[in-house]
N, C-alpha and C. Protein backbone atom coordinates (compact mmCIF):
# COMPACT_ATOMS: atom_id res chain seq x y z
N MET A 1 -50.89 -40.70 2.48
CA MET A 1 -49.31 -40.89 2.84
C MET A 1 -48.81 -39.80 1.91
N PRO A 2 -48.13 -39.01 2.79
CA PRO A 2 -47.65 -37.94 2.22
C PRO A 2 -46.57 -38.36 0.77
N ILE A 3 -46.19 -37.49 -0.16
CA ILE A 3 -45.81 -37.66 -1.30
C ILE A 3 -44.02 -37.98 -0.95
N LEU A 4 -43.35 -37.28 -0.02
CA LEU A 4 -42.22 -37.04 -0.03
C LEU A 4 -41.70 -38.70 0.70
N PRO A 5 -42.34 -39.27 1.63
CA PRO A 5 -42.01 -40.19 2.16
C PRO A 5 -42.00 -41.62 1.20
N ARG A 6 -42.94 -41.26 0.24
CA ARG A 6 -43.10 -42.68 -0.86
C ARG A 6 -41.92 -42.45 -1.42
N LEU A 7 -41.76 -41.18 -1.93
CA LEU A 7 -40.49 -40.88 -2.69
C LEU A 7 -39.20 -41.65 -2.16
N LEU A 8 -38.90 -41.24 -0.81
CA LEU A 8 -37.64 -41.48 -0.12
C LEU A 8 -37.88 -43.23 -0.27
N ASP A 9 -38.83 -43.70 -0.06
CA ASP A 9 -39.07 -45.16 -0.27
C ASP A 9 -38.50 -45.80 -1.16
N LYS A 10 -39.24 -45.26 -2.54
CA LYS A 10 -38.48 -45.69 -3.78
C LYS A 10 -37.02 -45.57 -4.04
N LEU A 11 -36.57 -44.44 -3.66
CA LEU A 11 -34.93 -44.19 -3.79
C LEU A 11 -34.18 -45.01 -2.64
N ALA A 12 -34.65 -45.44 -1.47
CA ALA A 12 -33.79 -46.65 -0.83
C ALA A 12 -33.84 -47.86 -1.11
N PRO A 13 -32.67 -48.31 -1.36
CA PRO A 13 -32.69 -49.86 -1.59
C PRO A 13 -32.95 -50.74 -0.58
N THR A 14 -34.48 -50.84 -0.22
CA THR A 14 -34.74 -51.33 0.70
C THR A 14 -34.41 -52.84 1.00
N ALA A 15 -34.48 -53.56 -0.50
CA ALA A 15 -34.15 -54.91 -0.49
C ALA A 15 -32.63 -55.22 -0.15
N LEU A 16 -31.72 -54.18 -0.52
CA LEU A 16 -30.32 -54.56 -0.06
C LEU A 16 -30.29 -54.38 1.36
N PHE A 17 -30.79 -53.16 1.85
CA PHE A 17 -30.84 -53.23 3.33
C PHE A 17 -31.38 -54.24 4.18
N ALA A 18 -32.24 -54.85 3.76
CA ALA A 18 -33.12 -56.14 4.46
C ALA A 18 -32.34 -57.26 4.44
N ARG A 19 -31.41 -57.62 3.49
CA ARG A 19 -30.23 -58.67 3.31
C ARG A 19 -29.03 -58.28 4.14
N LEU A 20 -28.84 -57.25 4.62
CA LEU A 20 -27.35 -56.89 5.30
C LEU A 20 -27.80 -56.90 6.80
N THR A 21 -26.50 -57.45 7.41
CA THR A 21 -26.67 -57.37 8.86
C THR A 21 -26.47 -56.56 9.86
N ILE A 22 -26.60 -56.26 11.11
CA ILE A 22 -26.57 -55.16 11.29
C ILE A 22 -25.06 -54.58 11.28
N ALA A 23 -24.01 -55.54 11.45
CA ALA A 23 -22.57 -55.33 11.39
C ALA A 23 -22.39 -54.78 10.28
N SER A 24 -23.12 -55.23 9.16
CA SER A 24 -22.66 -54.84 7.41
C SER A 24 -23.32 -53.14 7.67
N LYS A 25 -24.31 -53.29 7.97
CA LYS A 25 -25.15 -51.73 8.05
C LYS A 25 -24.31 -50.84 8.62
N MET A 26 -23.69 -51.23 9.82
CA MET A 26 -22.67 -49.98 10.75
C MET A 26 -21.39 -50.06 10.04
N LEU A 27 -20.84 -50.99 9.10
CA LEU A 27 -19.81 -50.83 8.49
C LEU A 27 -19.85 -49.94 7.00
N LEU A 28 -21.05 -50.34 6.55
CA LEU A 28 -21.13 -49.44 5.42
C LEU A 28 -21.49 -47.84 5.96
N GLY A 29 -21.83 -47.57 7.07
CA GLY A 29 -22.15 -46.40 7.48
C GLY A 29 -20.86 -45.68 7.94
N TYR A 30 -20.23 -46.39 8.49
CA TYR A 30 -18.47 -45.96 8.85
C TYR A 30 -17.76 -45.70 7.65
N MET A 31 -17.98 -46.73 6.64
CA MET A 31 -17.05 -46.36 5.67
C MET A 31 -17.27 -44.96 4.83
N THR A 32 -18.78 -44.48 4.62
CA THR A 32 -19.10 -43.23 4.32
C THR A 32 -18.61 -42.32 4.90
N LEU A 33 -18.53 -42.21 6.38
CA LEU A 33 -17.77 -41.29 7.23
C LEU A 33 -16.14 -41.31 7.12
N VAL A 34 -15.70 -42.38 6.79
CA VAL A 34 -14.33 -42.48 6.37
C VAL A 34 -14.02 -41.78 5.02
N THR A 35 -14.86 -42.10 4.25
CA THR A 35 -14.62 -41.58 2.64
C THR A 35 -14.81 -40.04 2.79
N LEU A 36 -15.95 -39.49 3.31
CA LEU A 36 -15.84 -38.22 3.67
C LEU A 36 -14.56 -37.64 4.33
N THR A 37 -14.30 -38.02 5.42
CA THR A 37 -13.05 -37.70 6.20
C THR A 37 -11.78 -37.60 5.26
N VAL A 38 -11.54 -38.85 4.48
CA VAL A 38 -10.67 -38.73 3.31
C VAL A 38 -10.72 -37.49 2.55
N VAL A 39 -12.04 -37.35 2.11
CA VAL A 39 -12.13 -36.38 1.18
C VAL A 39 -11.89 -34.81 1.73
N VAL A 40 -12.08 -34.59 2.59
CA VAL A 40 -11.88 -33.30 3.48
C VAL A 40 -10.46 -33.21 3.81
N VAL A 41 -9.89 -34.06 3.92
CA VAL A 41 -8.07 -34.20 4.39
C VAL A 41 -7.44 -33.87 3.30
N VAL A 42 -8.03 -34.45 2.04
CA VAL A 42 -7.21 -34.31 0.69
C VAL A 42 -7.37 -32.90 0.41
N TYR A 43 -8.72 -32.26 0.54
CA TYR A 43 -8.78 -30.87 0.12
C TYR A 43 -8.21 -29.76 0.94
N ALA A 44 -8.00 -30.20 2.33
CA ALA A 44 -7.39 -29.38 3.06
C ALA A 44 -5.64 -29.57 2.78
N LEU A 45 -5.28 -30.62 2.38
CA LEU A 45 -3.80 -30.63 1.98
C LEU A 45 -3.52 -29.72 0.85
N VAL A 46 -4.24 -30.06 -0.36
CA VAL A 46 -4.16 -29.34 -1.61
C VAL A 46 -4.51 -27.79 -1.38
N SER A 47 -5.15 -27.23 -0.40
CA SER A 47 -5.18 -26.21 -0.20
C SER A 47 -4.00 -25.66 0.48
N LEU A 48 -3.57 -26.22 1.87
CA LEU A 48 -2.39 -25.51 2.24
C LEU A 48 -1.05 -25.53 1.20
N GLN A 49 -1.15 -26.73 0.07
CA GLN A 49 -0.14 -26.71 -0.66
C GLN A 49 -0.27 -25.26 -1.43
N ARG A 50 -1.30 -25.01 -1.84
CA ARG A 50 -1.52 -23.74 -2.94
C ARG A 50 -1.08 -22.71 -2.00
N ILE A 51 -1.62 -22.68 -0.48
CA ILE A 51 -1.18 -21.63 0.32
C ILE A 51 0.45 -21.32 0.58
N ASN A 52 1.15 -22.61 0.69
CA ASN A 52 2.53 -22.62 0.81
C ASN A 52 3.27 -22.01 -0.49
N SER A 53 2.87 -22.40 -1.70
CA SER A 53 3.60 -22.06 -3.18
C SER A 53 3.27 -20.45 -3.17
N LEU A 54 2.07 -19.76 -2.67
CA LEU A 54 1.91 -18.92 -2.64
C LEU A 54 3.06 -17.84 -1.61
N ASN A 55 2.92 -18.20 -0.36
CA ASN A 55 4.06 -17.74 0.53
C ASN A 55 5.43 -17.95 -0.19
N ARG A 56 5.65 -18.97 -0.74
CA ARG A 56 7.19 -18.84 -1.20
C ARG A 56 7.12 -18.03 -2.27
N ASP A 57 6.36 -17.94 -2.98
CA ASP A 57 6.47 -16.77 -4.27
C ASP A 57 6.57 -15.48 -3.75
N ILE A 58 5.85 -14.99 -2.57
CA ILE A 58 5.83 -13.68 -1.57
C ILE A 58 7.36 -13.45 -1.19
N VAL A 59 7.69 -14.41 -0.40
CA VAL A 59 8.94 -14.37 0.28
C VAL A 59 10.33 -14.37 -0.87
N MET A 60 10.10 -15.22 -1.78
CA MET A 60 11.33 -15.43 -2.62
C MET A 60 11.30 -14.50 -3.94
N VAL A 61 10.02 -13.78 -4.04
CA VAL A 61 9.96 -12.74 -4.84
C VAL A 61 9.47 -11.34 -5.04
N ASP A 62 8.36 -11.55 -4.29
CA ASP A 62 7.71 -10.00 -3.99
C ASP A 62 8.58 -9.35 -3.01
N ILE A 63 9.00 -9.90 -1.88
CA ILE A 63 9.68 -9.08 -0.80
C ILE A 63 10.92 -8.55 -1.46
N LEU A 64 11.79 -9.42 -1.95
CA LEU A 64 13.12 -8.95 -2.68
C LEU A 64 12.84 -8.23 -3.71
N MET A 65 11.83 -7.99 -4.72
CA MET A 65 11.49 -7.04 -5.54
C MET A 65 11.20 -5.66 -4.87
N GLU A 66 10.34 -6.03 -3.88
CA GLU A 66 10.28 -4.66 -3.22
C GLU A 66 11.58 -4.02 -2.62
N GLU A 67 12.21 -4.71 -1.79
CA GLU A 67 13.58 -4.41 -1.35
C GLU A 67 14.39 -3.59 -2.34
N ALA A 68 14.68 -4.29 -3.54
CA ALA A 68 15.46 -3.76 -4.48
C ALA A 68 14.75 -2.63 -5.14
N ALA A 69 13.33 -2.34 -5.21
CA ALA A 69 13.11 -1.43 -5.94
C ALA A 69 13.19 -0.01 -4.89
N ASP A 70 12.86 -0.30 -3.42
CA ASP A 70 13.14 0.62 -2.35
C ASP A 70 14.66 1.18 -2.45
N ARG A 71 15.33 0.36 -2.45
CA ARG A 71 17.02 0.52 -2.51
C ARG A 71 17.50 1.47 -3.84
N MET A 72 16.72 1.04 -4.84
CA MET A 72 16.94 1.80 -6.36
C MET A 72 16.37 3.41 -5.97
N LEU A 73 15.24 3.66 -5.49
CA LEU A 73 14.54 4.85 -5.22
C LEU A 73 15.35 5.17 -4.21
N ASP A 74 16.13 4.87 -3.29
CA ASP A 74 16.76 5.62 -2.26
C ASP A 74 18.25 6.04 -3.29
N ALA A 75 18.67 5.29 -3.79
CA ALA A 75 19.98 5.63 -4.56
C ALA A 75 19.72 6.74 -5.58
N LEU A 76 18.41 6.56 -6.51
CA LEU A 76 18.29 7.50 -7.36
C LEU A 76 18.01 8.97 -6.71
N LEU A 77 17.34 8.96 -5.72
CA LEU A 77 17.14 10.23 -4.64
C LEU A 77 18.36 10.88 -4.19
N ALA A 78 19.06 9.93 -3.74
CA ALA A 78 20.65 10.49 -3.58
C ALA A 78 21.64 11.02 -4.51
N GLN A 79 21.22 10.46 -5.71
CA GLN A 79 22.00 10.70 -7.02
C GLN A 79 21.55 12.19 -7.36
N ASP A 80 20.26 12.55 -7.07
CA ASP A 80 19.69 13.71 -7.59
C ASP A 80 20.39 14.85 -6.41
N THR A 81 20.10 14.35 -5.17
CA THR A 81 21.15 15.07 -4.25
C THR A 81 22.43 15.90 -4.50
N TYR A 82 23.26 14.72 -5.08
CA TYR A 82 24.71 14.79 -5.55
C TYR A 82 24.99 15.64 -6.44
N GLU A 83 23.92 15.39 -7.34
CA GLU A 83 23.81 16.06 -8.66
C GLU A 83 23.78 17.45 -8.47
N LYS A 84 22.87 17.89 -7.74
CA LYS A 84 22.59 19.44 -7.46
C LYS A 84 23.53 19.95 -6.65
N ARG A 85 24.15 18.95 -5.91
CA ARG A 85 25.55 19.49 -5.01
C ARG A 85 26.73 20.22 -5.90
N TYR A 86 26.74 18.92 -6.76
CA TYR A 86 27.63 19.31 -7.70
C TYR A 86 27.58 20.67 -8.59
N LEU A 87 26.26 20.71 -9.21
CA LEU A 87 26.18 22.16 -9.88
C LEU A 87 26.72 23.29 -8.82
N ILE A 88 26.32 23.32 -7.54
CA ILE A 88 26.54 24.37 -6.70
C ILE A 88 28.21 24.35 -6.47
N LEU A 89 28.60 22.96 -5.80
CA LEU A 89 30.18 23.15 -5.32
C LEU A 89 30.90 22.80 -6.01
N LYS A 90 30.51 22.14 -7.36
CA LYS A 90 31.63 21.60 -8.21
C LYS A 90 32.65 20.73 -7.85
N SER A 91 32.50 20.02 -6.56
CA SER A 91 33.31 19.29 -5.87
C SER A 91 33.14 17.59 -6.53
N ARG A 92 34.61 17.18 -6.37
CA ARG A 92 34.95 16.12 -6.96
C ARG A 92 34.10 15.11 -6.00
N ASP A 93 34.16 15.42 -4.91
CA ASP A 93 33.60 14.16 -3.80
C ASP A 93 31.95 13.93 -4.21
N MET A 94 31.29 14.99 -4.76
CA MET A 94 29.83 15.03 -4.94
C MET A 94 29.66 14.09 -6.28
N LYS A 95 30.90 14.20 -7.26
CA LYS A 95 30.76 13.27 -8.24
C LYS A 95 30.89 11.97 -7.95
N ASN A 96 31.95 11.55 -6.92
CA ASN A 96 32.29 10.35 -6.54
C ASN A 96 31.17 9.61 -5.76
N LEU A 97 30.33 10.49 -4.95
CA LEU A 97 29.31 9.96 -4.43
C LEU A 97 28.01 9.67 -5.43
N PHE A 98 27.85 10.50 -6.41
CA PHE A 98 26.80 10.11 -7.33
C PHE A 98 27.09 8.93 -8.08
N GLU A 99 28.46 8.70 -8.41
CA GLU A 99 28.94 7.38 -8.81
C GLU A 99 28.70 6.03 -8.14
N LYS A 100 29.09 6.43 -6.69
CA LYS A 100 28.81 5.27 -5.79
C LYS A 100 27.46 4.63 -5.86
N ARG A 101 26.46 5.97 -5.42
CA ARG A 101 25.21 5.49 -5.39
C ARG A 101 24.67 5.06 -6.81
N GLY A 102 25.01 5.18 -7.82
CA GLY A 102 24.77 4.75 -9.46
C GLY A 102 25.55 3.25 -9.40
N THR A 103 26.33 2.85 -8.73
CA THR A 103 26.92 1.65 -8.25
C THR A 103 25.82 0.57 -7.96
N GLU A 104 25.49 1.27 -6.51
CA GLU A 104 24.23 0.54 -5.87
C GLU A 104 22.93 0.26 -6.61
N PHE A 105 22.79 1.51 -7.21
CA PHE A 105 21.59 1.30 -8.29
C PHE A 105 21.76 0.02 -9.24
N SER A 106 22.80 0.14 -9.83
CA SER A 106 23.04 -1.17 -10.70
C SER A 106 22.99 -2.51 -10.18
N ALA A 107 23.50 -2.50 -9.03
CA ALA A 107 23.53 -3.67 -8.21
C ALA A 107 21.99 -4.39 -7.70
N SER A 108 21.16 -3.46 -7.60
CA SER A 108 19.92 -3.46 -7.38
C SER A 108 19.16 -4.29 -8.51
N ILE A 109 19.84 -3.23 -9.80
CA ILE A 109 18.86 -3.99 -11.15
C ILE A 109 19.40 -5.43 -11.27
N ASP A 110 20.82 -5.78 -10.98
CA ASP A 110 20.92 -7.13 -11.14
C ASP A 110 20.36 -8.02 -10.35
N ALA A 111 19.97 -7.94 -9.25
CA ALA A 111 19.43 -8.61 -8.33
C ALA A 111 17.98 -8.98 -8.86
N LEU A 112 17.30 -7.73 -9.50
CA LEU A 112 16.32 -7.83 -9.93
C LEU A 112 16.06 -8.83 -11.04
N ARG A 113 17.06 -8.92 -11.73
CA ARG A 113 17.09 -9.68 -13.10
C ARG A 113 17.23 -11.11 -12.85
N ASN A 114 17.77 -11.54 -11.59
CA ASN A 114 18.26 -12.92 -10.97
C ASN A 114 16.76 -13.27 -10.34
N LEU A 115 15.74 -12.41 -10.20
CA LEU A 115 14.27 -12.98 -9.63
C LEU A 115 13.68 -14.09 -10.54
N PRO A 116 13.06 -14.99 -10.05
CA PRO A 116 12.20 -15.71 -11.07
C PRO A 116 10.85 -14.74 -11.52
N GLY A 117 10.64 -14.91 -12.76
CA GLY A 117 9.65 -13.98 -13.22
C GLY A 117 9.99 -12.67 -13.55
N SER A 118 11.52 -12.24 -13.43
CA SER A 118 11.97 -10.91 -13.90
C SER A 118 11.70 -10.63 -15.40
N LYS A 119 11.22 -11.66 -16.07
CA LYS A 119 10.90 -11.33 -17.51
C LYS A 119 9.96 -10.39 -17.67
N ASP A 120 8.98 -10.50 -16.85
CA ASP A 120 7.34 -9.60 -16.52
C ASP A 120 7.90 -8.09 -16.41
N LEU A 121 8.96 -7.83 -15.79
CA LEU A 121 9.37 -6.61 -15.04
C LEU A 121 9.92 -5.55 -16.32
N PRO A 122 9.57 -4.30 -15.84
CA PRO A 122 10.36 -3.39 -17.09
C PRO A 122 11.70 -2.87 -16.38
N ILE A 123 12.64 -3.98 -16.39
CA ILE A 123 13.91 -4.07 -15.75
C ILE A 123 14.63 -3.27 -16.98
N GLU A 124 14.86 -3.33 -17.99
CA GLU A 124 15.40 -3.06 -19.14
C GLU A 124 15.41 -1.22 -19.37
N THR A 125 14.08 -1.19 -19.29
CA THR A 125 13.56 0.32 -19.48
C THR A 125 14.25 1.03 -18.28
N ILE A 126 13.90 0.59 -16.97
CA ILE A 126 14.58 1.38 -16.15
C ILE A 126 16.13 1.08 -16.14
N SER A 127 16.60 0.51 -16.74
CA SER A 127 18.34 0.42 -16.56
C SER A 127 18.52 1.57 -17.69
N THR A 128 18.03 1.22 -19.11
CA THR A 128 18.07 2.45 -19.89
C THR A 128 17.79 3.73 -19.42
N LEU A 129 17.05 3.88 -18.66
CA LEU A 129 16.69 5.42 -18.22
C LEU A 129 17.89 5.78 -17.03
N HIS A 130 18.16 4.83 -16.53
CA HIS A 130 19.36 5.09 -15.53
C HIS A 130 20.69 5.52 -16.19
N ASP A 131 20.77 4.41 -17.30
CA ASP A 131 22.08 5.06 -18.06
C ASP A 131 22.00 6.35 -18.52
N ARG A 132 20.84 6.75 -19.25
CA ARG A 132 20.34 7.89 -19.93
C ARG A 132 20.84 9.14 -18.62
N TYR A 133 20.27 8.97 -17.34
CA TYR A 133 20.13 9.71 -16.25
C TYR A 133 21.95 10.11 -16.14
N SER A 134 22.72 8.93 -15.98
CA SER A 134 24.22 9.04 -15.68
C SER A 134 24.71 9.60 -16.81
N ASP A 135 24.65 9.72 -18.10
CA ASP A 135 25.16 10.13 -19.12
C ASP A 135 24.72 11.84 -19.19
N LEU A 136 23.52 12.01 -18.76
CA LEU A 136 23.28 13.46 -18.77
C LEU A 136 24.15 14.13 -17.67
N PHE A 137 24.35 13.49 -16.56
CA PHE A 137 24.91 14.07 -15.54
C PHE A 137 26.60 14.30 -15.93
N SER A 138 27.11 12.93 -16.48
CA SER A 138 28.51 13.34 -17.37
C SER A 138 28.59 14.46 -18.06
N GLN A 139 27.59 14.83 -18.86
CA GLN A 139 27.46 15.92 -19.91
C GLN A 139 27.29 17.36 -18.91
N GLU A 140 26.77 17.30 -17.96
CA GLU A 140 27.13 18.31 -17.15
C GLU A 140 28.30 18.73 -16.54
N ILE A 141 28.91 17.76 -16.23
CA ILE A 141 30.16 17.82 -15.60
C ILE A 141 31.20 18.34 -16.50
N ARG A 142 30.83 17.96 -18.07
CA ARG A 142 32.02 18.38 -19.09
C ARG A 142 31.53 19.95 -19.51
N LEU A 143 30.24 20.09 -19.42
CA LEU A 143 29.93 21.53 -19.54
C LEU A 143 30.23 22.40 -18.57
N ILE A 144 30.40 21.92 -17.38
CA ILE A 144 30.85 22.91 -16.06
C ILE A 144 32.31 23.20 -15.83
N ARG A 145 32.83 22.04 -16.38
CA ARG A 145 34.48 22.14 -16.58
C ARG A 145 35.02 23.00 -17.80
N GLY A 146 33.92 23.14 -18.72
CA GLY A 146 34.31 23.75 -20.08
C GLY A 146 33.74 25.30 -19.80
N LYS A 147 33.15 25.58 -18.72
CA LYS A 147 32.83 27.06 -18.14
C LYS A 147 31.24 27.25 -18.53
N ASN A 148 30.35 26.49 -18.85
CA ASN A 148 29.35 26.48 -19.82
C ASN A 148 28.31 26.28 -18.47
N VAL A 149 28.08 26.95 -17.66
CA VAL A 149 27.21 26.54 -16.26
C VAL A 149 25.94 26.74 -16.71
N ASP A 150 25.28 27.78 -17.44
CA ASP A 150 24.16 28.10 -17.86
C ASP A 150 23.55 26.61 -18.57
N LYS A 151 24.26 25.96 -19.44
CA LYS A 151 23.84 24.89 -20.23
C LYS A 151 23.83 23.67 -19.22
N ALA A 152 24.65 23.70 -18.26
CA ALA A 152 24.58 22.74 -17.40
C ALA A 152 23.36 22.66 -16.47
N TYR A 153 22.76 23.81 -16.15
CA TYR A 153 21.72 24.20 -15.13
C TYR A 153 20.37 23.75 -16.08
N ALA A 154 20.44 24.11 -17.53
CA ALA A 154 19.48 23.79 -18.39
C ALA A 154 19.32 22.48 -18.36
N ILE A 155 20.37 21.45 -18.57
CA ILE A 155 20.13 20.11 -18.59
C ILE A 155 19.74 19.80 -17.27
N SER A 156 20.03 20.45 -16.18
CA SER A 156 19.66 19.66 -14.67
C SER A 156 18.27 20.11 -14.82
N ASN A 157 17.62 20.99 -15.18
CA ASN A 157 16.35 21.53 -14.94
C ASN A 157 15.22 20.80 -15.97
N GLY A 158 15.99 20.51 -16.94
CA GLY A 158 15.22 20.28 -17.92
C GLY A 158 15.11 18.63 -18.46
N GLU A 159 16.01 18.07 -19.25
CA GLU A 159 16.14 16.77 -19.67
C GLU A 159 16.52 15.85 -18.65
N LEU A 160 17.43 16.01 -17.70
CA LEU A 160 17.79 15.30 -16.60
C LEU A 160 16.60 15.16 -15.42
N LYS A 161 15.59 16.29 -15.15
CA LYS A 161 14.37 16.17 -14.29
C LYS A 161 13.66 15.23 -15.06
N ASP A 162 13.40 15.16 -16.30
CA ASP A 162 12.49 14.43 -16.76
C ASP A 162 12.55 13.19 -16.78
N VAL A 163 14.04 12.82 -17.01
CA VAL A 163 14.49 11.41 -17.14
C VAL A 163 14.27 10.83 -15.44
N LEU A 164 14.48 11.90 -14.63
CA LEU A 164 14.67 11.59 -13.15
C LEU A 164 12.86 11.05 -12.72
N ASP A 165 12.07 11.81 -13.29
CA ASP A 165 10.52 11.81 -12.94
C ASP A 165 10.10 10.50 -13.72
N LYS A 166 10.38 9.97 -14.65
CA LYS A 166 10.24 8.67 -15.45
C LYS A 166 10.71 7.56 -14.54
N LEU A 167 11.99 7.60 -13.93
CA LEU A 167 12.91 6.60 -13.49
C LEU A 167 11.78 6.42 -12.14
N LEU A 168 11.40 7.58 -11.38
CA LEU A 168 10.58 7.58 -10.18
C LEU A 168 9.86 6.69 -10.31
N GLU A 169 8.89 7.01 -11.13
CA GLU A 169 7.21 6.60 -11.64
C GLU A 169 7.64 4.92 -11.95
N PHE A 170 8.49 4.70 -12.78
CA PHE A 170 8.68 3.31 -12.99
C PHE A 170 9.11 2.57 -11.49
N LEU A 171 9.92 3.13 -10.68
CA LEU A 171 10.39 2.52 -9.34
C LEU A 171 9.21 2.38 -8.38
N ARG A 172 8.38 3.24 -8.24
CA ARG A 172 7.18 3.46 -7.55
C ARG A 172 6.28 2.41 -7.81
N SER A 173 6.07 2.27 -9.31
CA SER A 173 5.22 1.14 -9.58
C SER A 173 5.58 -0.27 -9.49
N LEU A 174 7.04 -0.50 -9.45
CA LEU A 174 7.51 -1.49 -9.26
C LEU A 174 7.17 -2.03 -7.80
N SER A 175 7.56 -1.06 -6.96
CA SER A 175 7.44 -1.03 -5.70
C SER A 175 5.89 -1.53 -5.13
N SER A 176 4.94 -0.79 -5.77
CA SER A 176 3.54 -0.91 -5.27
C SER A 176 3.23 -2.50 -6.00
N ARG A 177 3.60 -2.80 -7.19
CA ARG A 177 3.25 -3.99 -7.63
C ARG A 177 3.72 -5.32 -6.74
N ALA A 178 4.98 -5.17 -6.22
CA ALA A 178 5.55 -5.90 -5.40
C ALA A 178 4.65 -6.03 -4.14
N ASN A 179 4.19 -4.72 -3.48
CA ASN A 179 3.57 -4.80 -2.62
C ASN A 179 2.13 -5.50 -2.63
């Protein structure tokens, strides 16, 4: 007699099965199937709960973060355009449009602060850089009003551009992180 069937005979509780009736044996077989079915259902429900939680985080955090970052990028690029136009035209309208877009930028920062998990985001760095950007624009305005256009152009092409580049980098990384 081969080894495997002898091993299986030793592992099977033949004495127990010999005492069971056919109905008991069928009940034991079905109970095994019911137990396995319950295990599979519980596993599926736990997996669905985990997926549901992930989807909720995506909808409630990641999408809102990406939208806020995109709005801030739009506002910042518009501010850059209005800043350059102000240098050329010296128009109060360009200054007002710059400030309006700055208000939109700040509203988006506030929206980011209200998101769950916002402590992990570089919001304060972005806010500080944007404040510096606005301060440099105000300095440009004072220089232009004081007829010191060359220094205003130097700020625009130097420090203001550097701050803008840093802001754009932070916002793009924030957007890609959310994505």
